[in-house]
Each structure stands twice: as structure tokens, then as C-alpha cells.
PDB file of all heavy atoms in Angstrom:
ATOM      1  N   SER A   1       1.643   5.120   5.465  1.00  0.00           N
ATOM      2  CA  SER A   1       2.311   4.397   6.541  1.00  0.00           C
ATOM      3  C   SER A   1       2.830   3.165   5.964  1.00  0.00           C
ATOM      4  O   SER A   1       2.390   2.513   5.068  1.00  0.00           O
ATOM      5  CB  SER A   1       1.261   4.127   7.569  1.00  0.00           C
ATOM      6  OG  SER A   1       1.896   3.324   8.635  1.00  0.00           O
ATOM      7  N   ILE A   2       3.937   2.705   6.644  1.00  0.00           N
ATOM      8  CA  ILE A   2       4.610   1.455   6.230  1.00  0.00           C
ATOM      9  C   ILE A   2       4.377   0.454   7.381  1.00  0.00           C
ATOM     10  O   ILE A   2       4.812  -0.721   7.297  1.00  0.00           O
ATOM     11  CB  ILE A   2       6.055   1.559   5.927  1.00  0.00           C
ATOM     12  CG1 ILE A   2       6.850   2.176   7.157  1.00  0.00           C
ATOM     13  CG2 ILE A   2       6.295   2.383   4.758  1.00  0.00           C
ATOM     14  CD1 ILE A   2       8.325   2.202   7.052  1.00  0.00           C
ATOM     15  N   HIS A   3       3.654   0.884   8.443  1.00  0.00           N
ATOM     16  CA  HIS A   3       3.420  -0.058   9.561  1.00  0.00           C
ATOM     17  C   HIS A   3       1.913  -0.228   9.744  1.00  0.00           C
ATOM     18  O   HIS A   3       1.189   0.727   9.750  1.00  0.00           O
ATOM     19  CB  HIS A   3       3.969   0.666  10.794  1.00  0.00           C
ATOM     20  CG  HIS A   3       3.671  -0.145  12.090  1.00  0.00           C
ATOM     21  ND1 HIS A   3       2.760   0.148  13.012  1.00  0.00           N
ATOM     22  CD2 HIS A   3       4.333  -1.234  12.568  1.00  0.00           C
ATOM     23  CE1 HIS A   3       2.768  -0.693  13.990  1.00  0.00           C
ATOM     24  NE2 HIS A   3       3.708  -1.548  13.707  1.00  0.00           N
ATOM     25  N   ASN A   4       1.500  -1.468   9.867  1.00  0.00           N
ATOM     26  CA  ASN A   4       0.110  -1.867  10.154  1.00  0.00           C
ATOM     27  C   ASN A   4       0.102  -2.350  11.580  1.00  0.00           C
ATOM     28  O   ASN A   4       0.580  -3.477  11.896  1.00  0.00           O
ATOM     29  CB  ASN A   4      -0.329  -2.947   9.200  1.00  0.00           C
ATOM     30  CG  ASN A   4      -1.778  -3.333   9.450  1.00  0.00           C
ATOM     31  OD1 ASN A   4      -2.478  -2.717  10.286  1.00  0.00           O
ATOM     32  ND2 ASN A   4      -2.179  -4.402   8.741  1.00  0.00           N
ATOM     33  N   PRO A   5      -0.460  -1.602  12.497  1.00  0.00           N
ATOM     34  CA  PRO A   5      -0.373  -1.933  13.934  1.00  0.00           C
ATOM     35  C   PRO A   5      -1.121  -3.202  14.339  1.00  0.00           C
ATOM     36  O   PRO A   5      -0.949  -3.669  15.517  1.00  0.00           O
ATOM     37  CB  PRO A   5      -0.934  -0.716  14.671  1.00  0.00           C
ATOM     38  CG  PRO A   5      -1.801  -0.070  13.631  1.00  0.00           C
ATOM     39  CD  PRO A   5      -1.231  -0.396  12.337  1.00  0.00           C
ATOM     40  N   GLY A   6      -1.968  -3.729  13.493  1.00  0.00           N
ATOM     41  CA  GLY A   6      -2.767  -4.913  13.819  1.00  0.00           C
ATOM     42  C   GLY A   6      -4.041  -4.382  14.640  1.00  0.00           C
ATOM     43  O   GLY A   6      -4.373  -3.210  14.662  1.00  0.00           O
ATOM     44  N   SER A   7      -4.661  -5.266  15.315  1.00  0.00           N
ATOM     45  CA  SER A   7      -5.896  -4.903  16.152  1.00  0.00           C
ATOM     46  C   SER A   7      -5.556  -4.935  17.561  1.00  0.00           C
ATOM     47  O   SER A   7      -4.466  -5.425  18.012  1.00  0.00           O
ATOM     48  CB  SER A   7      -7.034  -5.841  15.809  1.00  0.00           C
ATOM     49  OG  SER A   7      -6.711  -7.144  16.300  1.00  0.00           O
ATOM     50  N   ASN A   8      -6.487  -4.429  18.395  1.00  0.00           N
ATOM     51  CA  ASN A   8      -6.275  -4.440  19.854  1.00  0.00           C
ATOM     52  C   ASN A   8      -6.220  -5.816  20.415  1.00  0.00           C
ATOM     53  O   ASN A   8      -5.514  -6.067  21.413  1.00  0.00           O
ATOM     54  CB  ASN A   8      -7.361  -3.674  20.543  1.00  0.00           C
ATOM     55  CG  ASN A   8      -7.312  -2.157  20.293  1.00  0.00           C
ATOM     56  OD1 ASN A   8      -6.249  -1.724  19.990  1.00  0.00           O
ATOM     57  ND2 ASN A   8      -8.446  -1.485  20.355  1.00  0.00           N
ATOM     58  N   THR A   9      -6.938  -6.802  19.818  1.00  0.00           N
ATOM     59  CA  THR A   9      -6.907  -8.100  20.321  1.00  0.00           C
ATOM     60  C   THR A   9      -5.765  -8.996  19.713  1.00  0.00           C
ATOM     61  O   THR A   9      -5.424 -10.009  20.351  1.00  0.00           O
ATOM     62  CB  THR A   9      -8.242  -8.818  19.982  1.00  0.00           C
ATOM     63  OG1 THR A   9      -8.422  -8.820  18.496  1.00  0.00           O
ATOM     64  CG2 THR A   9      -9.361  -8.157  20.653  1.00  0.00           C
ATOM     65  N   HIS A  10      -5.159  -8.633  18.590  1.00  0.00           N
ATOM     66  CA  HIS A  10      -4.130  -9.382  17.902  1.00  0.00           C
ATOM     67  C   HIS A  10      -2.924  -8.433  17.689  1.00  0.00           C
ATOM     68  O   HIS A  10      -2.588  -8.074  16.573  1.00  0.00           O
ATOM     69  CB  HIS A  10      -4.620  -9.953  16.684  1.00  0.00           C
ATOM     70  CG  HIS A  10      -5.663 -10.992  16.725  1.00  0.00           C
ATOM     71  ND1 HIS A  10      -6.970 -10.706  16.688  1.00  0.00           N
ATOM     72  CD2 HIS A  10      -5.624 -12.318  16.990  1.00  0.00           C
ATOM     73  CE1 HIS A  10      -7.707 -11.805  16.948  1.00  0.00           C
ATOM     74  NE2 HIS A  10      -6.884 -12.766  17.055  1.00  0.00           N
ATOM     75  N   GLN A  11      -2.200  -8.051  18.744  1.00  0.00           N
ATOM     76  CA  GLN A  11      -1.035  -7.219  18.559  1.00  0.00           C
ATOM     77  C   GLN A  11       0.034  -7.876  17.804  1.00  0.00           C
ATOM     78  O   GLN A  11       0.848  -7.190  17.156  1.00  0.00           O
ATOM     79  CB  GLN A  11      -0.496  -6.789  19.999  1.00  0.00           C
ATOM     80  CG  GLN A  11      -1.380  -5.885  20.705  1.00  0.00           C
ATOM     81  CD  GLN A  11      -1.474  -4.488  20.098  1.00  0.00           C
ATOM     82  OE1 GLN A  11      -0.576  -3.996  19.596  1.00  0.00           O
ATOM     83  NE2 GLN A  11      -2.685  -3.865  20.217  1.00  0.00           N
ATOM     84  N   ALA A  12       0.050  -9.230  17.869  1.00  0.00           N
ATOM     85  CA  ALA A  12       1.150  -9.962  17.061  1.00  0.00           C
ATOM     86  C   ALA A  12       0.864  -9.958  15.611  1.00  0.00           C
ATOM     87  O   ALA A  12       1.811 -10.211  14.852  1.00  0.00           O
ATOM     88  CB  ALA A  12       1.096 -11.407  17.567  1.00  0.00           C
ATOM     89  N   SER A  13      -0.330  -9.422  15.159  1.00  0.00           N
ATOM     90  CA  SER A  13      -0.488  -9.367  13.745  1.00  0.00           C
ATOM     91  C   SER A  13       0.025  -7.999  13.147  1.00  0.00           C
ATOM     92  O   SER A  13      -0.250  -7.743  11.943  1.00  0.00           O
ATOM     93  CB  SER A  13      -2.008  -9.513  13.481  1.00  0.00           C
ATOM     94  OG  SER A  13      -2.685  -8.375  13.924  1.00  0.00           O
ATOM     95  N   ALA A  14       0.759  -7.240  13.889  1.00  0.00           N
ATOM     96  CA  ALA A  14       1.356  -6.060  13.362  1.00  0.00           C
ATOM     97  C   ALA A  14       2.340  -6.372  12.271  1.00  0.00           C
ATOM     98  O   ALA A  14       2.972  -7.431  12.354  1.00  0.00           O
ATOM     99  CB  ALA A  14       2.057  -5.272  14.474  1.00  0.00           C
ATOM    100  N   SER A  15       2.384  -5.614  11.196  1.00  0.00           N
ATOM    101  CA  SER A  15       3.290  -5.917  10.122  1.00  0.00           C
ATOM    102  C   SER A  15       3.935  -4.640   9.501  1.00  0.00           C
ATOM    103  O   SER A  15       3.445  -3.539   9.790  1.00  0.00           O
ATOM    104  CB  SER A  15       2.486  -6.609   9.044  1.00  0.00           C
ATOM    105  OG  SER A  15       1.516  -5.832   8.499  1.00  0.00           O
ATOM    106  N   TYR A  16       4.990  -4.936   8.746  1.00  0.00           N
ATOM    107  CA  TYR A  16       5.693  -3.793   8.058  1.00  0.00           C
ATOM    108  C   TYR A  16       5.592  -4.086   6.599  1.00  0.00           C
ATOM    109  O   TYR A  16       5.819  -5.219   6.151  1.00  0.00           O
ATOM    110  CB  TYR A  16       7.206  -3.861   8.527  1.00  0.00           C
ATOM    111  CG  TYR A  16       8.118  -3.227   7.576  1.00  0.00           C
ATOM    112  CD1 TYR A  16       8.226  -1.870   7.483  1.00  0.00           C
ATOM    113  CD2 TYR A  16       9.001  -4.000   6.749  1.00  0.00           C
ATOM    114  CE1 TYR A  16       9.144  -1.217   6.608  1.00  0.00           C
ATOM    115  CE2 TYR A  16       9.875  -3.388   5.974  1.00  0.00           C
ATOM    116  CZ  TYR A  16       9.962  -1.995   5.890  1.00  0.00           C
ATOM    117  OH  TYR A  16      10.805  -1.386   5.042  1.00  0.00           O
ATOM    118  N   LYS A  17       5.166  -3.076   5.823  1.00  0.00           N
ATOM    119  CA  LYS A  17       5.093  -3.226   4.403  1.00  0.00           C
ATOM    120  C   LYS A  17       5.842  -2.007   3.697  1.00  0.00           C
ATOM    121  O   LYS A  17       5.384  -0.918   3.872  1.00  0.00           O
ATOM    122  CB  LYS A  17       3.588  -3.225   3.954  1.00  0.00           C
ATOM    123  CG  LYS A  17       3.420  -3.609   2.517  1.00  0.00           C
ATOM    124  CD  LYS A  17       1.961  -3.805   2.340  1.00  0.00           C
ATOM    125  CE  LYS A  17       1.691  -4.441   0.932  1.00  0.00           C
ATOM    126  NZ  LYS A  17       0.202  -4.542   0.688  1.00  0.00           N
ATOM    127  N   PRO A  18       6.984  -2.274   3.075  1.00  0.00           N
ATOM    128  CA  PRO A  18       7.765  -1.206   2.530  1.00  0.00           C
ATOM    129  C   PRO A  18       6.960  -0.333   1.571  1.00  0.00           C
ATOM    130  O   PRO A  18       6.098  -0.864   0.790  1.00  0.00           O
ATOM    131  CB  PRO A  18       8.859  -1.911   1.876  1.00  0.00           C
ATOM    132  CG  PRO A  18       8.959  -3.326   2.421  1.00  0.00           C
ATOM    133  CD  PRO A  18       7.500  -3.575   2.836  1.00  0.00           C
ATOM    134  N   LEU A  19       7.276   0.956   1.498  1.00  0.00           N
ATOM    135  CA  LEU A  19       6.658   1.826   0.596  1.00  0.00           C
ATOM    136  C   LEU A  19       6.808   1.409  -0.909  1.00  0.00           C
ATOM    137  O   LEU A  19       5.896   1.418  -1.674  1.00  0.00           O
ATOM    138  CB  LEU A  19       7.212   3.280   0.757  1.00  0.00           C
ATOM    139  CG  LEU A  19       6.693   4.284  -0.146  1.00  0.00           C
ATOM    140  CD1 LEU A  19       5.147   4.548   0.049  1.00  0.00           C
ATOM    141  CD2 LEU A  19       7.426   5.667   0.043  1.00  0.00           C
ATOM    142  N   LEU A  20       8.036   0.942  -1.226  1.00  0.00           N
ATOM    143  CA  LEU A  20       8.269   0.551  -2.572  1.00  0.00           C
ATOM    144  C   LEU A  20       7.371  -0.649  -2.994  1.00  0.00           C
ATOM    145  O   LEU A  20       6.816  -0.601  -4.058  1.00  0.00           O
ATOM    146  CB  LEU A  20       9.735   0.118  -2.807  1.00  0.00           C
ATOM    147  CG  LEU A  20      10.121  -0.304  -4.193  1.00  0.00           C
ATOM    148  CD1 LEU A  20       9.834   0.740  -5.240  1.00  0.00           C
ATOM    149  CD2 LEU A  20      11.610  -0.687  -4.207  1.00  0.00           C
ATOM    150  N   LYS A  21       7.167  -1.596  -2.074  1.00  0.00           N
ATOM    151  CA  LYS A  21       6.210  -2.656  -2.277  1.00  0.00           C
ATOM    152  C   LYS A  21       4.822  -2.233  -2.478  1.00  0.00           C
ATOM    153  O   LYS A  21       4.089  -2.665  -3.324  1.00  0.00           O
ATOM    154  CB  LYS A  21       6.323  -3.690  -1.161  1.00  0.00           C
ATOM    155  CG  LYS A  21       5.499  -4.944  -1.422  1.00  0.00           C
ATOM    156  CD  LYS A  21       5.761  -5.970  -0.311  1.00  0.00           C
ATOM    157  CE  LYS A  21       4.948  -7.251  -0.660  1.00  0.00           C
ATOM    158  NZ  LYS A  21       5.277  -8.323   0.267  1.00  0.00           N
ATOM    159  N   GLN A  22       4.372  -1.271  -1.611  1.00  0.00           N
ATOM    160  CA  GLN A  22       2.989  -0.694  -1.753  1.00  0.00           C
ATOM    161  C   GLN A  22       2.836  -0.118  -3.146  1.00  0.00           C
ATOM    162  O   GLN A  22       1.812  -0.287  -3.704  1.00  0.00           O
ATOM    163  CB  GLN A  22       2.727   0.315  -0.695  1.00  0.00           C
ATOM    164  CG  GLN A  22       2.690  -0.256   0.718  1.00  0.00           C
ATOM    165  CD  GLN A  22       2.460   0.836   1.797  1.00  0.00           C
ATOM    166  OE1 GLN A  22       1.686   1.752   1.526  1.00  0.00           O
ATOM    167  NE2 GLN A  22       3.153   0.763   2.940  1.00  0.00           N
ATOM    168  N   VAL A  23       3.796   0.728  -3.560  1.00  0.00           N
ATOM    169  CA  VAL A  23       3.675   1.430  -4.857  1.00  0.00           C
ATOM    170  C   VAL A  23       3.607   0.444  -6.029  1.00  0.00           C
ATOM    171  O   VAL A  23       2.757   0.522  -6.915  1.00  0.00           O
ATOM    172  CB  VAL A  23       4.838   2.398  -5.059  1.00  0.00           C
ATOM    173  CG1 VAL A  23       4.850   2.960  -6.452  1.00  0.00           C
ATOM    174  CG2 VAL A  23       4.678   3.552  -4.003  1.00  0.00           C
ATOM    175  N   VAL A  24       4.530  -0.620  -5.993  1.00  0.00           N
ATOM    176  CA  VAL A  24       4.524  -1.594  -7.077  1.00  0.00           C
ATOM    177  C   VAL A  24       3.234  -2.427  -7.137  1.00  0.00           C
ATOM    178  O   VAL A  24       2.643  -2.617  -8.162  1.00  0.00           O
ATOM    179  CB  VAL A  24       5.782  -2.449  -7.017  1.00  0.00           C
ATOM    180  CG1 VAL A  24       5.681  -3.569  -8.045  1.00  0.00           C
ATOM    181  CG2 VAL A  24       7.001  -1.652  -7.248  1.00  0.00           C
ATOM    182  N   GLU A  25       2.738  -2.760  -5.904  1.00  0.00           N
ATOM    183  CA  GLU A  25       1.451  -3.545  -5.828  1.00  0.00           C
ATOM    184  C   GLU A  25       0.323  -2.704  -6.411  1.00  0.00           C
ATOM    185  O   GLU A  25      -0.533  -3.227  -7.084  1.00  0.00           O
ATOM    186  CB  GLU A  25       1.133  -3.961  -4.476  1.00  0.00           C
ATOM    187  CG  GLU A  25       2.036  -5.109  -3.992  1.00  0.00           C
ATOM    188  CD  GLU A  25       1.718  -5.566  -2.539  1.00  0.00           C
ATOM    189  OE1 GLU A  25       1.121  -4.790  -1.809  1.00  0.00           O
ATOM    190  OE2 GLU A  25       2.120  -6.675  -2.198  1.00  0.00           O
ATOM    191  N   GLU A  26       0.306  -1.430  -6.111  1.00  0.00           N
ATOM    192  CA  GLU A  26      -0.701  -0.486  -6.635  1.00  0.00           C
ATOM    193  C   GLU A  26      -0.697  -0.428  -8.180  1.00  0.00           C
ATOM    194  O   GLU A  26      -1.653  -0.440  -8.886  1.00  0.00           O
ATOM    195  CB  GLU A  26      -0.659   0.912  -5.978  1.00  0.00           C
ATOM    196  CG  GLU A  26      -1.606   1.817  -6.514  1.00  0.00           C
ATOM    197  CD  GLU A  26      -3.080   1.508  -6.292  1.00  0.00           C
ATOM    198  OE1 GLU A  26      -3.409   0.764  -5.338  1.00  0.00           O
ATOM    199  OE2 GLU A  26      -3.933   1.929  -7.112  1.00  0.00           O
ATOM    200  N   ILE A  27       0.512  -0.255  -8.661  1.00  0.00           N
ATOM    201  CA  ILE A  27       0.694  -0.082 -10.130  1.00  0.00           C
ATOM    202  C   ILE A  27       0.302  -1.396 -10.831  1.00  0.00           C
ATOM    203  O   ILE A  27      -0.324  -1.385 -11.873  1.00  0.00           O
ATOM    204  CB  ILE A  27       2.148   0.249 -10.446  1.00  0.00           C
ATOM    205  CG1 ILE A  27       2.464   1.694 -10.002  1.00  0.00           C
ATOM    206  CG2 ILE A  27       2.432   0.038 -11.968  1.00  0.00           C
ATOM    207  CD1 ILE A  27       3.906   2.065 -10.150  1.00  0.00           C
ATOM    208  N   CYS A  28       0.598  -2.533 -10.267  1.00  0.00           N
ATOM    209  CA  CYS A  28       0.245  -3.850 -10.849  1.00  0.00           C
ATOM    210  C   CYS A  28      -1.088  -4.398 -10.460  1.00  0.00           C
ATOM    211  O   CYS A  28      -1.340  -5.579 -10.703  1.00  0.00           O
ATOM    212  CB  CYS A  28       1.366  -4.856 -10.506  1.00  0.00           C
ATOM    213  SG  CYS A  28       2.942  -4.417 -11.112  1.00  0.00           S
ATOM    214  N   ASN A  29      -1.944  -3.601  -9.773  1.00  0.00           N
ATOM    215  CA  ASN A  29      -3.229  -4.073  -9.256  1.00  0.00           C
ATOM    216  C   ASN A  29      -4.130  -4.351 -10.419  1.00  0.00           C
ATOM    217  O   ASN A  29      -4.379  -3.499 -11.306  1.00  0.00           O
ATOM    218  CB  ASN A  29      -3.834  -2.963  -8.413  1.00  0.00           C
ATOM    219  CG  ASN A  29      -5.104  -3.373  -7.757  1.00  0.00           C
ATOM    220  OD1 ASN A  29      -5.668  -4.464  -7.961  1.00  0.00           O
ATOM    221  ND2 ASN A  29      -5.651  -2.554  -6.899  1.00  0.00           N
ATOM    222  N   PRO A  30      -4.651  -5.632 -10.512  1.00  0.00           N
ATOM    223  CA  PRO A  30      -5.453  -6.012 -11.644  1.00  0.00           C
ATOM    224  C   PRO A  30      -6.867  -5.269 -11.646  1.00  0.00           C
ATOM    225  O   PRO A  30      -7.474  -5.139 -12.689  1.00  0.00           O
ATOM    226  CB  PRO A  30      -5.623  -7.574 -11.528  1.00  0.00           C
ATOM    227  CG  PRO A  30      -5.315  -7.774 -10.088  1.00  0.00           C
ATOM    228  CD  PRO A  30      -4.390  -6.694  -9.606  1.00  0.00           C
ATOM    229  N   ASP A  31      -7.322  -4.887 -10.441  1.00  0.00           N
ATOM    230  CA  ASP A  31      -8.603  -4.189 -10.393  1.00  0.00           C
ATOM    231  C   ASP A  31      -8.531  -2.785 -10.978  1.00  0.00           C
ATOM    232  O   ASP A  31      -9.560  -2.155 -11.312  1.00  0.00           O
ATOM    233  CB  ASP A  31      -9.133  -4.099  -8.939  1.00  0.00           C
ATOM    234  CG  ASP A  31      -9.283  -5.518  -8.363  1.00  0.00           C
ATOM    235  OD1 ASP A  31      -9.591  -6.436  -9.169  1.00  0.00           O
ATOM    236  OD2 ASP A  31      -9.246  -5.661  -7.106  1.00  0.00           O
ATOM    237  N   ARG A  32      -7.339  -2.227 -11.041  1.00  0.00           N
ATOM    238  CA  ARG A  32      -7.011  -0.956 -11.656  1.00  0.00           C
ATOM    239  C   ARG A  32      -7.865   0.262 -11.258  1.00  0.00           C
ATOM    240  O   ARG A  32      -8.400   0.948 -12.093  1.00  0.00           O
ATOM    241  CB  ARG A  32      -7.124  -1.161 -13.214  1.00  0.00           C
ATOM    242  CG  ARG A  32      -6.237  -2.197 -13.735  1.00  0.00           C
ATOM    243  CD  ARG A  32      -6.345  -2.231 -15.213  1.00  0.00           C
ATOM    244  NE  ARG A  32      -6.423  -0.923 -15.705  1.00  0.00           N
ATOM    245  CZ  ARG A  32      -5.611  -0.389 -16.569  1.00  0.00           C
ATOM    246  NH1 ARG A  32      -4.795  -1.126 -17.188  1.00  0.00           N
ATOM    247  NH2 ARG A  32      -5.725   0.847 -16.997  1.00  0.00           N
ATOM    248  N   PRO A  33      -7.992   0.455  -9.993  1.00  0.00           N
ATOM    249  CA  PRO A  33      -8.635   1.737  -9.611  1.00  0.00           C
ATOM    250  C   PRO A  33      -7.674   2.892  -9.937  1.00  0.00           C
ATOM    251  O   PRO A  33      -6.486   2.715 -10.220  1.00  0.00           O
ATOM    252  CB  PRO A  33      -8.869   1.668  -8.095  1.00  0.00           C
ATOM    253  CG  PRO A  33      -7.713   0.736  -7.692  1.00  0.00           C
ATOM    254  CD  PRO A  33      -7.524  -0.218  -8.829  1.00  0.00           C
ATOM    255  N   ASP A  34      -8.152   4.133  -9.991  1.00  0.00           N
ATOM    256  CA  ASP A  34      -7.222   5.307 -10.194  1.00  0.00           C
ATOM    257  C   ASP A  34      -6.336   5.405  -8.969  1.00  0.00           C
ATOM    258  O   ASP A  34      -6.815   5.456  -7.899  1.00  0.00           O
ATOM    259  CB  ASP A  34      -8.044   6.558 -10.334  1.00  0.00           C
ATOM    260  CG  ASP A  34      -8.538   6.763 -11.796  1.00  0.00           C
ATOM    261  OD1 ASP A  34      -7.987   6.145 -12.675  1.00  0.00           O
ATOM    262  OD2 ASP A  34      -9.419   7.567 -11.979  1.00  0.00           O
ATOM    263  N   PRO A  35      -5.042   5.390  -9.192  1.00  0.00           N
ATOM    264  CA  PRO A  35      -4.085   5.497  -8.073  1.00  0.00           C
ATOM    265  C   PRO A  35      -4.323   6.867  -7.344  1.00  0.00           C
ATOM    266  O   PRO A  35      -4.436   7.923  -8.084  1.00  0.00           O
ATOM    267  CB  PRO A  35      -2.708   5.431  -8.664  1.00  0.00           C
ATOM    268  CG  PRO A  35      -2.908   4.980 -10.075  1.00  0.00           C
ATOM    269  CD  PRO A  35      -4.343   5.225 -10.454  1.00  0.00           C
ATOM    270  N   VAL A  36      -4.468   6.922  -6.111  1.00  0.00           N
ATOM    271  CA  VAL A  36      -4.743   8.145  -5.402  1.00  0.00           C
ATOM    272  C   VAL A  36      -3.459   8.999  -5.217  1.00  0.00           C
ATOM    273  O   VAL A  36      -3.415  10.162  -5.476  1.00  0.00           O
ATOM    274  CB  VAL A  36      -5.348   7.858  -3.975  1.00  0.00           C
ATOM    275  CG1 VAL A  36      -5.596   9.059  -3.143  1.00  0.00           C
ATOM    276  CG2 VAL A  36      -6.603   6.977  -4.103  1.00  0.00           C
ATOM    277  N   ASP A  37      -2.368   8.305  -4.811  1.00  0.00           N
ATOM    278  CA  ASP A  37      -1.125   9.111  -4.531  1.00  0.00           C
ATOM    279  C   ASP A  37      -0.152   9.013  -5.685  1.00  0.00           C
ATOM    280  O   ASP A  37       0.981   9.494  -5.548  1.00  0.00           O
ATOM    281  CB  ASP A  37      -0.448   8.512  -3.299  1.00  0.00           C
ATOM    282  CG  ASP A  37      -1.243   8.850  -1.993  1.00  0.00           C
ATOM    283  OD1 ASP A  37      -1.880   9.888  -2.003  1.00  0.00           O
ATOM    284  OD2 ASP A  37      -1.227   8.059  -1.057  1.00  0.00           O
ATOM    285  N   ILE A  38      -0.465   8.396  -6.827  1.00  0.00           N
ATOM    286  CA  ILE A  38       0.404   8.334  -7.980  1.00  0.00           C
ATOM    287  C   ILE A  38      -0.138   9.191  -9.022  1.00  0.00           C
ATOM    288  O   ILE A  38      -1.292   9.027  -9.400  1.00  0.00           O
ATOM    289  CB  ILE A  38       0.548   6.868  -8.462  1.00  0.00           C
ATOM    290  CG1 ILE A  38       1.188   5.998  -7.353  1.00  0.00           C
ATOM    291  CG2 ILE A  38       1.527   6.825  -9.712  1.00  0.00           C
ATOM    292  CD1 ILE A  38       1.251   4.495  -7.694  1.00  0.00           C
ATOM    293  N   GLU A  39       0.599  10.126  -9.514  1.00  0.00           N
ATOM    294  CA  GLU A  39       0.124  11.066 -10.470  1.00  0.00           C
ATOM    295  C   GLU A  39       0.754  10.784 -11.886  1.00  0.00           C
ATOM    296  O   GLU A  39       1.977  10.607 -11.986  1.00  0.00           O
ATOM    297  CB  GLU A  39       0.452  12.481 -10.035  1.00  0.00           C
ATOM    298  CG  GLU A  39      -0.136  13.535 -10.999  1.00  0.00           C
ATOM    299  CD  GLU A  39       0.146  14.952 -10.463  1.00  0.00           C
ATOM    300  OE1 GLU A  39       0.407  15.100  -9.251  1.00  0.00           O
ATOM    301  OE2 GLU A  39       0.165  15.901 -11.259  1.00  0.00           O
ATOM    302  N   HIS A  40      -0.078  10.796 -12.842  1.00  0.00           N
ATOM    303  CA  HIS A  40       0.429  10.677 -14.257  1.00  0.00           C
ATOM    304  C   HIS A  40       0.877  11.957 -14.760  1.00  0.00           C
ATOM    305  O   HIS A  40       0.097  12.994 -14.646  1.00  0.00           O
ATOM    306  CB  HIS A  40      -0.662  10.094 -15.197  1.00  0.00           C
ATOM    307  CG  HIS A  40      -0.236   9.885 -16.580  1.00  0.00           C
ATOM    308  ND1 HIS A  40      -0.437  10.900 -17.459  1.00  0.00           N
ATOM    309  CD2 HIS A  40       0.450   8.917 -17.224  1.00  0.00           C
ATOM    310  CE1 HIS A  40       0.054  10.567 -18.689  1.00  0.00           C
ATOM    311  NE2 HIS A  40       0.575   9.382 -18.484  1.00  0.00           N
ATOM    312  N   ILE A  41       2.092  12.066 -15.364  1.00  0.00           N
ATOM    313  CA  ILE A  41       2.547  13.277 -15.887  1.00  0.00           C
ATOM    314  C   ILE A  41       2.502  13.161 -17.417  1.00  0.00           C
ATOM    315  O   ILE A  41       3.022  12.237 -18.018  1.00  0.00           O
ATOM    316  CB  ILE A  41       4.113  13.488 -15.405  1.00  0.00           C
ATOM    317  CG1 ILE A  41       4.108  13.618 -14.004  1.00  0.00           C
ATOM    318  CG2 ILE A  41       4.618  14.745 -16.182  1.00  0.00           C
ATOM    319  CD1 ILE A  41       5.493  13.784 -13.350  1.00  0.00           C
ATOM    320  N   SER A  42       1.770  14.113 -18.017  1.00  0.00           N
ATOM    321  CA  SER A  42       1.514  14.059 -19.454  1.00  0.00           C
ATOM    322  C   SER A  42       2.819  14.268 -20.182  1.00  0.00           C
ATOM    323  O   SER A  42       3.622  15.098 -19.889  1.00  0.00           O
ATOM    324  CB  SER A  42       0.574  15.093 -19.818  1.00  0.00           C
ATOM    325  OG  SER A  42      -0.688  14.927 -19.162  1.00  0.00           O
ATOM    326  N   SER A  43       2.977  13.505 -21.323  1.00  0.00           N
ATOM    327  CA  SER A  43       4.146  13.615 -22.115  1.00  0.00           C
ATOM    328  C   SER A  43       3.974  14.090 -23.527  1.00  0.00           C
ATOM    329  O   SER A  43       4.765  14.600 -24.201  1.00  0.00           O
ATOM    330  CB  SER A  43       4.986  12.365 -22.098  1.00  0.00           C
ATOM    331  OG  SER A  43       4.204  11.299 -22.585  1.00  0.00           O
TER     332      SER A  43
END
């Protein structure tokens, strides 16, 4: 999803987060968990 609906009490906190931004943040994540939706292709 690219939409975060917020909570029932704070509808104004709904936000939009582009897919490209989510992917780059995951790749550059310093905690470095295994990416769930990003697959490494062996070369």
C-alpha cells in the first residue's frame, strides 16, 4: 500500500508514501533486515 489511513481518532494523520520511496528506504535501512518483497537475483 502507498496509503496509510491513520487511526480512527486521528483521520487527519492519513498519509501517502510513494512505492519508490518505500523501496529505497528499505534498501538503505541501517538495521538491514532481509527485505521481504525485494529478491536478490544471483549473478
